Amino acid sequence: MKSRTALPAFAVCAVCVVLAPLSGCGDGGTGPEPSPADGVPSAPAESREPTPGKGSKDPDDINGDGYRDLMVPVPVGERVAVVHGSAKGLDPSIRTVYSRRDLGLPDPPEEVAPGNPVAPDTVADLDGDGFPDFVTSVMGEIVEDRNISAARTAPYVTWGGPDGPTEGAEATPVRLPQSASKLGLESVVRGDFDGDGHHDLAASAKNGSSLVVLYGPFTRSGAPARTDTGLPASDGSLVADDIDPSGKPRATSLLFHADGDGEQSGNTLYPARPGTGLSANAKQLRPGNARAFGDFDGDGVRDVAIGDSGGRNDEPGYETEGPEVGGSLAVYPGSGGAPVTYRLPKAPEGATTDYGPGGYVAADPDGDGRDGILVATYEGATLIDGDKRIPVLREGPAKANGKKTPAKWRHARPAGAADFNNDGKDELILHWATGVLFGLYGQNPTHWWITDGTTSRDQATFTTTGFAPRGS
């Protein structure tokens, strides 16, 4: 089974592949004409409970039945849903919807988290029982530490099982090191940073003291096997390499992406060391707000790619951006050597915005073992695979919520890729929601397409607007 993160924690998957070199990668490409949408998704009328599994090494196989599942937000009612995979692919009729109470999470103070939405950071099998656990950051009271005043934010674990998380069971707070316990953590991601086969967590201490790496396995009281606070921290977010879903131990590196003000900002790579953990010998990479890990050259070694997401800061001075940043991405080979830069599709005239079209998704829809890159564009998405450029387009409804949807806001965004039916080929995940905010930020998706590779056919389509909570 290929390693691909579908949507762990709603953080959309990132990046890319081996493309044609810069000199041979123009917009002319050799891909076919754009693939039209099969139709607008609708909510499945039927809802069935998943079949309990026997356990799995895949961190995205929630019920442990051997098929990868997809976690999606449910904006109506502020819940989260798990849509389950099967031998025929993702099946929207087999789903479970969880509320904050279902996950056993404490309610944060209303003044710091109005509405109390459920937004798990990630899923990972922290106790090694073969069933992934939900990890959700919960905000608490305002506290002060190191001259920082903020709401304490701590990760809680809702333990998984053959039926998924146990309904109503009280979630367990993760035990944090003393240096970070007062304000807690932010930007929690999963990984296997020492390559021992146990799932780990990494995050930034909110007080700025360090990065915090919590190595598994974890006890049911929330204690990690060991903790590392030796890596420096600053304002930004983390992106971790994928855990191999086959269960084969593989050390996962960690990328720190610096905060910016709309511009393409910098990246720092902390390489993984099998048997030890993340190395403090960091490597500075080029600026770019789109990034991901994968085997982009097909040599069996994990690489990292950094690229331009299209977002820009339009304040004075933005014109000083380096020419190597705009409209390109760079692949840093895991085997060493200089990065290779590739051009991205150009935006249609008059279509650009300060927010850009979005990020990238690493995907292998033909199953050849080498990733391609699904690039968000102002017209949908394009898969770049070698010298081929294949448009993959889906559109939302022409009218939604009683209002006409402008054509420029109808295109679906790439959200991930995964092999839901275990055929060795990735399906592509696209999503859409009504309103200008989704067009600018990609927030609160409600319509979903699971494509049959890069074809115009869909393996599954659905909306989350009709997803009902458990027991209803």
Protein backbone atom coordinates (compact mmCIF):
# COMPACT_ATOMS: atom_id res chain seq x y z
CA MET A 1 0.00 0.00 0.00
CA LYS A 2 1.33 3.46 -0.86
CA SER A 3 1.98 6.05 1.78
CA ARG A 4 -0.46 8.87 1.41
CA THR A 5 -2.09 11.07 3.97
CA ALA A 6 -5.73 11.56 3.06
CA LEU A 7 -6.83 14.34 5.36
CA PRO A 8 -5.33 13.93 8.78
CA ALA A 9 -6.69 16.67 10.88
CA PHE A 10 -8.12 18.72 8.06
CA ALA A 11 -4.77 19.85 7.21
CA VAL A 12 -4.89 19.51 3.43
CA CYS A 13 -2.12 17.33 2.08
CA ALA A 14 0.76 19.00 0.42
CA VAL A 15 2.91 18.56 -2.46
CA CYS A 16 4.59 17.20 -5.32
CA VAL A 17 6.72 15.26 -7.66
CA VAL A 18 9.34 14.85 -10.23
CA LEU A 19 8.36 17.24 -12.95
CA ALA A 20 10.04 18.01 -16.19
CA PRO A 21 13.07 20.23 -15.55
CA LEU A 22 12.64 23.99 -15.68
CA SER A 23 13.70 24.26 -19.29
CA GLY A 24 11.17 21.66 -20.48
CA CYS A 25 8.13 22.42 -18.35
CA GLY A 26 6.11 25.09 -20.07
CA ASP A 27 2.38 25.61 -20.08
CA GLY A 28 2.07 23.76 -23.36
CA GLY A 29 2.22 20.29 -21.69
CA THR A 30 1.02 17.06 -23.30
CA GLY A 31 -1.95 16.32 -21.08
CA PRO A 32 -5.48 15.75 -22.39
CA GLU A 33 -8.31 18.26 -22.39
CA PRO A 34 -9.84 19.21 -19.01
CA SER A 35 -11.95 16.50 -17.42
CA PRO A 36 -15.54 17.71 -16.86
CA ALA A 37 -17.45 17.06 -13.65
CA ASP A 38 -19.81 14.12 -13.61
CA GLY A 39 -22.30 16.11 -11.54
CA VAL A 40 -22.88 18.04 -8.36
CA PRO A 41 -22.65 15.89 -5.21
CA SER A 42 -25.67 15.27 -3.04
CA ALA A 43 -26.06 13.93 0.49
CA PRO A 44 -26.34 10.13 0.79
CA ALA A 45 -29.77 9.21 2.12
CA GLU A 46 -28.49 6.06 3.80
CA SER A 47 -26.15 5.90 6.76
CA ARG A 48 -24.69 2.58 8.00
CA GLU A 49 -22.28 1.84 10.81
CA PRO A 50 -18.85 0.55 9.70
CA THR A 51 -17.87 -3.07 10.18
CA PRO A 52 -15.55 -3.49 13.19
CA GLY A 53 -12.00 -4.34 12.14
CA LYS A 54 -9.23 -6.43 13.66
CA GLY A 55 -6.61 -3.68 13.63
CA SER A 56 -4.34 -2.02 11.10
CA LYS A 57 -0.95 -0.31 10.82
CA ASP A 58 -2.47 2.49 8.73
CA PRO A 59 -3.00 5.63 10.85
CA ASP A 60 -5.96 6.63 8.65
CA ASP A 61 -7.80 3.29 8.95
CA ILE A 62 -10.07 4.42 11.77
CA ASN A 63 -11.96 1.13 12.33
CA GLY A 64 -8.97 -1.11 11.51
CA ASP A 65 -10.67 -3.10 8.73
CA GLY A 66 -7.80 -2.78 6.25
CA TYR A 67 -9.20 0.13 4.22
CA ARG A 68 -8.21 3.77 4.53
CA ASP A 69 -10.91 6.18 5.72
CA LEU A 70 -11.45 9.91 5.20
CA MET A 71 -12.08 12.42 7.97
CA VAL A 72 -14.06 15.50 6.89
CA PRO A 73 -15.45 18.53 8.74
CA VAL A 74 -19.22 18.96 9.02
CA PRO A 75 -19.75 22.73 9.22
CA VAL A 76 -23.48 22.31 9.88
CA GLY A 77 -23.60 21.49 13.58
CA GLU A 78 -19.80 21.88 13.90
CA ARG A 79 -18.99 18.19 13.91
CA VAL A 80 -16.49 15.85 12.29
CA ALA A 81 -17.32 12.82 10.15
CA VAL A 82 -15.42 9.69 9.18
CA VAL A 83 -16.35 8.31 5.75
CA HIS A 84 -15.13 4.74 5.41
CA GLY A 85 -13.22 2.98 2.66
CA SER A 86 -14.04 -0.44 1.23
CA ALA A 87 -13.08 -2.87 -1.52
CA LYS A 88 -15.13 -0.68 -3.86
CA GLY A 89 -13.60 2.55 -2.60
CA LEU A 90 -14.82 5.27 -0.30
CA ASP A 91 -18.47 4.67 0.64
CA PRO A 92 -20.34 7.79 1.85
CA SER A 93 -23.21 5.63 3.10
CA ILE A 94 -20.86 4.11 5.69
CA ARG A 95 -20.00 6.96 7.98
CA THR A 96 -19.89 8.08 11.58
CA VAL A 97 -20.43 11.67 12.74
CA TYR A 98 -18.86 12.83 15.99
CA SER A 99 -19.66 15.81 18.16
CA ARG A 100 -17.44 17.26 20.87
CA ARG A 101 -19.42 15.27 23.43
CA ASP A 102 -19.03 12.05 21.39
CA LEU A 103 -15.25 12.50 21.57
CA GLY A 104 -15.34 13.13 25.31
CA LEU A 105 -13.73 16.56 24.99
CA PRO A 106 -14.10 19.24 27.66
CA ASP A 107 -15.82 22.45 26.62
CA PRO A 108 -13.48 25.44 26.31
CA PRO A 109 -14.46 28.78 27.80
CA GLU A 110 -16.99 30.54 25.57
CA GLU A 111 -14.89 33.70 25.47
CA VAL A 112 -11.91 31.92 23.84
CA ALA A 113 -13.74 29.42 21.61
CA PRO A 114 -17.30 30.51 20.76
CA GLY A 115 -19.34 27.76 19.17
CA ASN A 116 -16.99 24.98 20.35
CA PRO A 117 -16.33 23.43 16.91
CA VAL A 118 -14.73 19.97 16.69
CA ALA A 119 -11.47 20.11 14.73
CA PRO A 120 -9.07 17.24 15.50
CA ASP A 121 -5.44 18.09 14.83
CA THR A 122 -4.61 14.60 13.63
CA VAL A 123 -5.21 10.87 14.08
CA ALA A 124 -2.49 8.45 15.18
CA ASP A 125 -2.30 5.07 16.89
CA LEU A 126 -0.60 6.38 20.00
CA ASP A 127 -0.94 3.26 22.17
CA GLY A 128 -0.11 0.78 19.38
CA ASP A 129 -3.30 -1.28 19.61
CA GLY A 130 -3.98 -1.17 15.85
CA PHE A 131 -6.71 1.47 16.02
CA PRO A 132 -6.04 5.20 15.41
CA ASP A 133 -6.83 7.71 18.12
CA PHE A 134 -8.18 11.23 17.64
CA VAL A 135 -5.89 14.03 18.87
CA THR A 136 -7.69 17.33 19.43
CA SER A 137 -6.36 20.59 20.86
CA VAL A 138 -8.66 22.04 23.53
CA MET A 139 -8.46 25.68 24.58
CA GLY A 140 -8.66 26.66 28.23
CA GLU A 141 -8.42 29.76 30.37
CA ILE A 142 -6.18 32.72 29.58
CA VAL A 143 -2.79 32.33 31.29
CA GLU A 144 0.61 34.04 31.15
CA ASP A 145 4.04 32.53 30.59
CA ARG A 146 7.28 34.15 29.44
CA ASN A 147 5.47 37.48 28.95
CA ILE A 148 2.94 35.78 26.67
CA SER A 149 -0.73 35.96 27.56
CA ALA A 150 -2.92 33.45 25.71
CA ALA A 151 -5.45 30.67 26.15
CA ARG A 152 -3.78 27.47 27.31
CA THR A 153 -4.10 24.90 24.53
CA ALA A 154 -3.52 21.23 25.27
CA PRO A 155 -3.96 18.11 23.10
CA TYR A 156 -6.49 15.51 24.26
CA VAL A 157 -6.64 11.89 23.04
CA THR A 158 -9.90 10.12 22.26
CA TRP A 159 -8.85 6.47 22.17
CA GLY A 160 -9.88 4.40 19.16
CA GLY A 161 -11.13 0.85 18.80
CA PRO A 162 -12.78 -1.60 16.35
CA ASP A 163 -15.81 0.69 16.07
CA GLY A 164 -13.79 3.89 16.09
CA PRO A 165 -13.67 6.16 19.14
CA THR A 166 -15.88 4.96 21.97
CA GLU A 167 -18.95 7.18 22.16
CA GLY A 168 -18.97 9.39 25.26
CA ALA A 169 -15.69 8.10 26.70
CA GLU A 170 -13.75 10.86 28.43
CA ALA A 171 -10.74 12.05 26.43
CA THR A 172 -7.28 11.94 28.03
CA PRO A 173 -5.04 15.02 28.22
CA VAL A 174 -1.55 14.43 26.86
CA ARG A 175 1.18 14.82 29.49
CA LEU A 176 3.38 17.76 28.52
CA PRO A 177 6.92 18.64 29.60
CA GLN A 178 7.14 21.19 32.39
CA SER A 179 8.73 23.78 30.10
CA ALA A 180 5.59 23.85 27.91
CA SER A 181 2.82 22.77 30.26
CA LYS A 182 1.59 26.21 31.36
CA LEU A 183 0.57 27.57 27.92
CA GLY A 184 0.49 24.23 26.15
CA LEU A 185 1.14 23.40 22.49
CA GLU A 186 0.11 24.48 19.00
CA SER A 187 0.48 23.07 15.47
CA VAL A 188 0.28 19.41 16.56
CA VAL A 189 1.30 16.88 13.88
CA ARG A 190 1.92 13.13 13.83
CA GLY A 191 4.93 11.17 12.65
CA ASP A 192 7.39 8.39 13.41
CA PHE A 193 10.41 10.57 13.98
CA ASP A 194 12.77 7.83 15.18
CA GLY A 195 11.53 5.14 12.78
CA ASP A 196 10.71 2.59 15.49
CA GLY A 197 7.19 1.88 14.20
CA HIS A 198 5.47 3.72 17.08
CA HIS A 199 3.49 6.86 16.26
CA ASP A 200 4.77 10.14 17.71
CA LEU A 201 3.52 13.73 18.05
CA ALA A 202 5.36 16.99 17.43
CA ALA A 203 4.22 20.53 18.20
CA SER A 204 5.43 24.03 19.04
CA ALA A 205 5.39 25.23 22.64
CA LYS A 206 3.10 28.27 22.79
CA ASN A 207 5.53 30.05 25.10
CA GLY A 208 8.18 29.87 22.37
CA SER A 209 10.59 27.77 24.44
CA SER A 210 11.11 24.96 21.92
CA LEU A 211 9.60 22.44 19.60
CA VAL A 212 8.17 19.53 21.60
CA VAL A 213 8.51 15.98 20.28
CA LEU A 214 6.51 13.32 22.15
CA TYR A 215 7.69 9.83 21.24
CA GLY A 216 5.34 6.84 21.37
CA PRO A 217 4.03 4.53 22.45
CA PHE A 218 1.79 6.49 24.82
CA THR A 219 0.16 5.08 27.92
CA ARG A 220 -3.60 5.33 28.37
CA SER A 221 -2.90 8.04 30.95
CA GLY A 222 -1.47 10.23 28.14
CA ALA A 223 2.24 9.83 28.93
CA PRO A 224 4.71 9.49 26.01
CA ALA A 225 7.59 7.04 26.16
CA ARG A 226 10.02 9.96 26.06
CA THR A 227 10.07 13.69 25.30
CA ASP A 228 12.52 15.90 23.41
CA THR A 229 12.54 19.69 23.84
CA GLY A 230 15.95 20.31 22.31
CA LEU A 231 14.85 21.88 19.00
CA PRO A 232 14.30 25.65 18.77
CA ALA A 233 10.87 27.17 18.11
CA SER A 234 9.56 30.38 16.58
CA ASP A 235 6.29 31.56 15.05
CA GLY A 236 5.10 29.17 12.38
CA SER A 237 3.55 25.79 11.66
CA LEU A 238 4.76 22.21 11.30
CA VAL A 239 4.42 19.68 8.48
CA ALA A 240 5.52 16.07 9.00
CA ASP A 241 6.34 13.36 6.49
CA ASP A 242 3.74 10.59 6.11
CA ILE A 243 3.76 7.49 8.28
CA ASP A 244 3.96 4.44 6.03
CA PRO A 245 0.43 2.90 6.07
CA SER A 246 1.85 -0.59 5.50
CA GLY A 247 3.36 -0.52 8.99
CA LYS A 248 6.92 -0.70 7.69
CA PRO A 249 8.99 1.48 10.05
CA ARG A 250 10.22 4.62 8.33
CA ALA A 251 11.71 7.66 10.05
CA THR A 252 9.69 10.77 9.18
CA SER A 253 11.32 14.17 8.90
CA LEU A 254 9.73 17.41 10.11
CA LEU A 255 9.38 20.73 8.30
CA PHE A 256 8.96 24.07 10.08
CA HIS A 257 7.18 26.72 7.99
CA ALA A 258 7.68 30.28 9.25
CA ASP A 259 4.73 32.63 9.67
CA GLY A 260 4.37 35.36 7.09
CA ASP A 261 2.11 38.26 6.21
CA GLY A 262 0.81 36.89 2.94
CA GLU A 263 4.19 36.52 1.27
CA GLN A 264 5.87 33.21 0.52
CA SER A 265 7.82 32.54 3.73
CA GLY A 266 10.78 30.40 4.73
CA ASN A 267 11.12 26.71 5.62
CA THR A 268 13.45 24.72 7.88
CA LEU A 269 13.90 20.95 7.56
CA TYR A 270 14.71 18.76 10.58
CA PRO A 271 15.87 15.43 9.14
CA ALA A 272 14.79 12.22 10.83
CA ARG A 273 17.41 9.83 12.25
CA PRO A 274 16.35 6.17 12.51
CA GLY A 275 16.74 4.93 16.06
CA THR A 276 17.40 8.41 17.46
CA GLY A 277 14.84 11.01 16.37
CA LEU A 278 14.87 14.41 14.74
CA SER A 279 18.26 15.94 14.08
CA ALA A 280 19.15 19.42 15.34
CA ASN A 281 21.28 19.81 12.21
CA ALA A 282 18.55 21.75 10.40
CA LYS A 283 18.59 22.64 6.72
CA GLN A 284 17.26 25.97 5.46
CA LEU A 285 15.09 25.62 2.36
CA ARG A 286 13.70 28.16 -0.08
CA PRO A 287 10.59 30.28 0.63
CA GLY A 288 7.23 28.82 -0.36
CA ASN A 289 3.85 28.31 1.29
CA ALA A 290 3.12 24.99 -0.45
CA ARG A 291 5.20 22.04 0.72
CA ALA A 292 5.15 18.29 1.18
CA PHE A 293 7.11 15.08 1.47
CA GLY A 294 7.19 12.17 -0.96
CA ASP A 295 9.28 10.04 -3.27
CA PHE A 296 9.16 12.45 -6.16
CA ASP A 297 11.88 10.86 -8.29
CA GLY A 298 10.91 7.22 -7.74
CA ASP A 299 14.25 6.19 -6.22
CA GLY A 300 12.73 4.84 -3.00
CA VAL A 301 14.08 7.68 -0.84
CA ARG A 302 11.82 10.34 0.66
CA ASP A 303 12.23 13.86 -0.73
CA VAL A 304 10.78 17.23 0.25
CA ALA A 305 9.26 19.79 -2.10
CA ILE A 306 8.67 23.50 -1.49
CA GLY A 307 6.69 25.69 -3.85
CA ASP A 308 4.79 28.87 -4.58
CA SER A 309 1.13 28.74 -3.46
CA GLY A 310 0.30 31.93 -5.36
CA GLY A 311 -0.38 34.00 -2.23
CA ARG A 312 1.14 37.47 -2.07
CA ASN A 313 1.48 40.43 0.28
CA ASP A 314 0.51 43.52 -1.74
CA GLU A 315 2.06 46.00 0.70
CA PRO A 316 4.98 48.18 -0.43
CA GLY A 317 8.13 46.16 -0.96
CA TYR A 318 6.52 42.97 -2.22
CA GLU A 319 8.16 43.54 -5.59
CA THR A 320 11.52 42.62 -4.02
CA GLU A 321 10.66 38.91 -3.95
CA GLY A 322 13.39 36.79 -5.49
CA PRO A 323 12.82 35.57 -9.05
CA GLU A 324 13.38 31.96 -7.91
CA VAL A 325 10.23 32.09 -5.73
CA GLY A 326 7.38 33.13 -8.00
CA GLY A 327 5.62 30.51 -10.14
CA SER A 328 7.95 27.64 -9.25
CA LEU A 329 8.68 24.80 -6.86
CA ALA A 330 11.88 23.05 -5.85
CA VAL A 331 12.40 19.38 -5.06
CA TYR A 332 15.13 18.62 -2.50
CA PRO A 333 16.29 15.03 -3.10
CA GLY A 334 16.39 12.82 -0.01
CA SER A 335 19.52 11.18 -1.37
CA GLY A 336 21.31 14.54 -1.32
CA GLY A 337 22.34 16.92 -4.03
CA ALA A 338 21.11 20.29 -5.21
CA PRO A 339 17.39 21.02 -5.44
CA VAL A 340 15.76 20.97 -8.86
CA THR A 341 13.38 23.79 -9.76
CA TYR A 342 10.24 23.41 -11.88
CA ARG A 343 7.72 25.84 -13.32
CA LEU A 344 4.06 25.86 -12.29
CA PRO A 345 1.05 26.52 -14.54
CA LYS A 346 0.49 30.20 -15.21
CA ALA A 347 -2.66 31.89 -13.95
CA PRO A 348 -5.22 33.01 -16.53
CA GLU A 349 -5.05 36.72 -17.28
CA GLY A 350 -7.01 38.73 -14.72
CA ALA A 351 -7.64 35.73 -12.42
CA THR A 352 -4.98 36.28 -9.79
CA THR A 353 -5.76 37.33 -6.22
CA ASP A 354 -3.57 38.13 -3.22
CA TYR A 355 -4.61 34.79 -1.69
CA GLY A 356 -3.53 32.54 -4.56
CA PRO A 357 -5.29 29.40 -5.80
CA GLY A 358 -4.12 27.15 -2.94
CA GLY A 359 -1.67 24.35 -2.21
CA TYR A 360 -0.51 21.11 -3.79
CA VAL A 361 -1.26 17.43 -3.23
CA ALA A 362 1.15 14.57 -3.77
CA ALA A 363 -0.61 11.79 -5.68
CA ASP A 364 0.15 8.62 -7.64
CA PRO A 365 -3.09 7.93 -9.56
CA ASP A 366 -1.40 5.56 -12.05
CA GLY A 367 0.30 3.46 -9.36
CA ASP A 368 3.76 3.61 -10.93
CA GLY A 369 5.46 4.34 -7.60
CA ARG A 370 6.44 7.90 -8.44
CA ASP A 371 4.36 10.80 -7.17
CA GLY A 372 2.83 13.45 -9.36
CA ILE A 373 1.71 16.83 -8.09
CA LEU A 374 -1.90 17.99 -8.10
CA VAL A 375 -1.59 21.77 -8.25
CA ALA A 376 -4.43 24.05 -7.23
CA THR A 377 -5.22 26.52 -10.02
CA TYR A 378 -7.69 29.37 -10.52
CA GLU A 379 -9.74 27.01 -12.67
CA GLY A 380 -9.56 23.88 -10.50
CA ALA A 381 -6.51 21.63 -10.43
CA THR A 382 -3.83 20.22 -12.71
CA LEU A 383 -1.83 17.04 -12.17
CA ILE A 384 1.78 17.43 -13.26
CA ASP A 385 3.38 14.04 -13.86
CA GLY A 386 6.68 14.10 -15.70
CA ASP A 387 6.11 16.11 -18.87
CA LYS A 388 2.32 15.61 -18.74
CA ARG A 389 -0.16 18.14 -17.40
CA ILE A 390 -3.64 16.75 -16.85
CA PRO A 391 -6.48 19.07 -15.78
CA VAL A 392 -8.74 17.55 -13.12
CA LEU A 393 -11.79 19.76 -12.82
CA ARG A 394 -14.98 19.58 -10.78
CA GLU A 395 -17.55 22.34 -10.22
CA GLY A 396 -20.01 23.20 -7.50
CA PRO A 397 -23.65 24.02 -8.26
CA ALA A 398 -24.59 27.07 -10.32
CA LYS A 399 -27.00 28.05 -7.56
CA ALA A 400 -26.57 27.46 -3.82
CA ASN A 401 -28.43 28.74 -0.77
CA GLY A 402 -30.86 30.50 -3.07
CA LYS A 403 -28.14 32.54 -4.75
CA LYS A 404 -26.36 32.22 -8.07
CA THR A 405 -22.75 31.13 -7.77
CA PRO A 406 -20.35 33.24 -9.87
CA ALA A 407 -18.44 31.05 -12.32
CA LYS A 408 -15.06 32.05 -10.88
CA TRP A 409 -16.04 30.63 -7.46
CA ARG A 410 -17.45 27.29 -8.67
CA HIS A 411 -14.23 25.33 -9.14
CA ALA A 412 -13.40 22.64 -6.56
CA ARG A 413 -10.07 22.68 -4.76
CA PRO A 414 -7.68 19.72 -4.37
CA ALA A 415 -7.79 18.47 -0.78
CA GLY A 416 -5.80 15.24 -0.74
CA ALA A 417 -5.17 11.85 -2.30
CA ALA A 418 -5.46 8.31 -0.97
CA ASP A 419 -5.94 4.70 -2.03
CA PHE A 420 -9.32 3.88 -0.51
CA ASN A 421 -9.84 0.49 -2.23
CA ASN A 422 -6.30 -0.94 -1.97
CA ASP A 423 -5.79 -1.24 -5.73
CA GLY A 424 -2.37 0.44 -5.55
CA LYS A 425 -3.59 3.65 -7.22
CA ASP A 426 -4.52 6.93 -5.55
CA GLU A 427 -7.91 8.53 -5.83
CA LEU A 428 -7.90 12.33 -5.86
CA ILE A 429 -9.94 14.29 -3.31
CA LEU A 430 -11.51 17.62 -4.27
CA HIS A 431 -13.88 19.78 -2.27
CA TRP A 432 -16.02 22.93 -2.56
CA ALA A 433 -18.36 25.17 -0.60
CA THR A 434 -20.51 28.16 -1.38
CA GLY A 435 -19.39 31.70 -0.71
CA VAL A 436 -16.46 33.96 -1.50
CA LEU A 437 -14.57 32.92 1.63
CA PHE A 438 -14.19 29.40 0.32
CA GLY A 439 -12.93 30.74 -2.97
CA LEU A 440 -10.28 32.75 -1.13
CA TYR A 441 -9.35 30.48 1.76
CA GLY A 442 -10.85 27.05 1.09
CA GLN A 443 -12.64 27.04 4.45
CA ASN A 444 -15.64 24.95 5.54
CA PRO A 445 -16.00 22.59 2.55
CA THR A 446 -19.38 20.87 2.12
CA HIS A 447 -19.19 19.19 -1.33
CA TRP A 448 -16.72 16.34 -1.97
CA TRP A 449 -15.51 14.43 -5.04
CA ILE A 450 -13.39 11.25 -4.86
CA THR A 451 -12.18 10.84 -8.42
CA ASP A 452 -11.32 7.75 -10.42
CA GLY A 453 -7.74 8.83 -10.95
CA THR A 454 -7.45 11.70 -13.42
CA THR A 455 -10.49 10.64 -15.45
CA SER A 456 -13.84 12.45 -15.58
CA ARG A 457 -15.38 9.60 -13.56
CA ASP A 458 -15.88 9.75 -9.81
CA GLN A 459 -15.50 6.87 -7.39
CA ALA A 460 -17.79 8.71 -4.95
CA THR A 461 -19.41 12.11 -4.46
CA PHE A 462 -21.26 13.46 -1.45
CA THR A 463 -22.16 16.53 0.57
CA THR A 464 -21.84 16.79 4.33
CA THR A 465 -24.89 19.04 4.76
CA GLY A 466 -27.12 16.02 5.42
CA PHE A 467 -24.73 14.19 7.72
CA ALA A 468 -26.56 13.49 10.97
CA PRO A 469 -24.91 12.87 14.35
CA ARG A 470 -24.73 9.45 15.98
CA GLY A 471 -28.02 8.06 17.29
CA SER A 472 -30.22 10.30 15.13
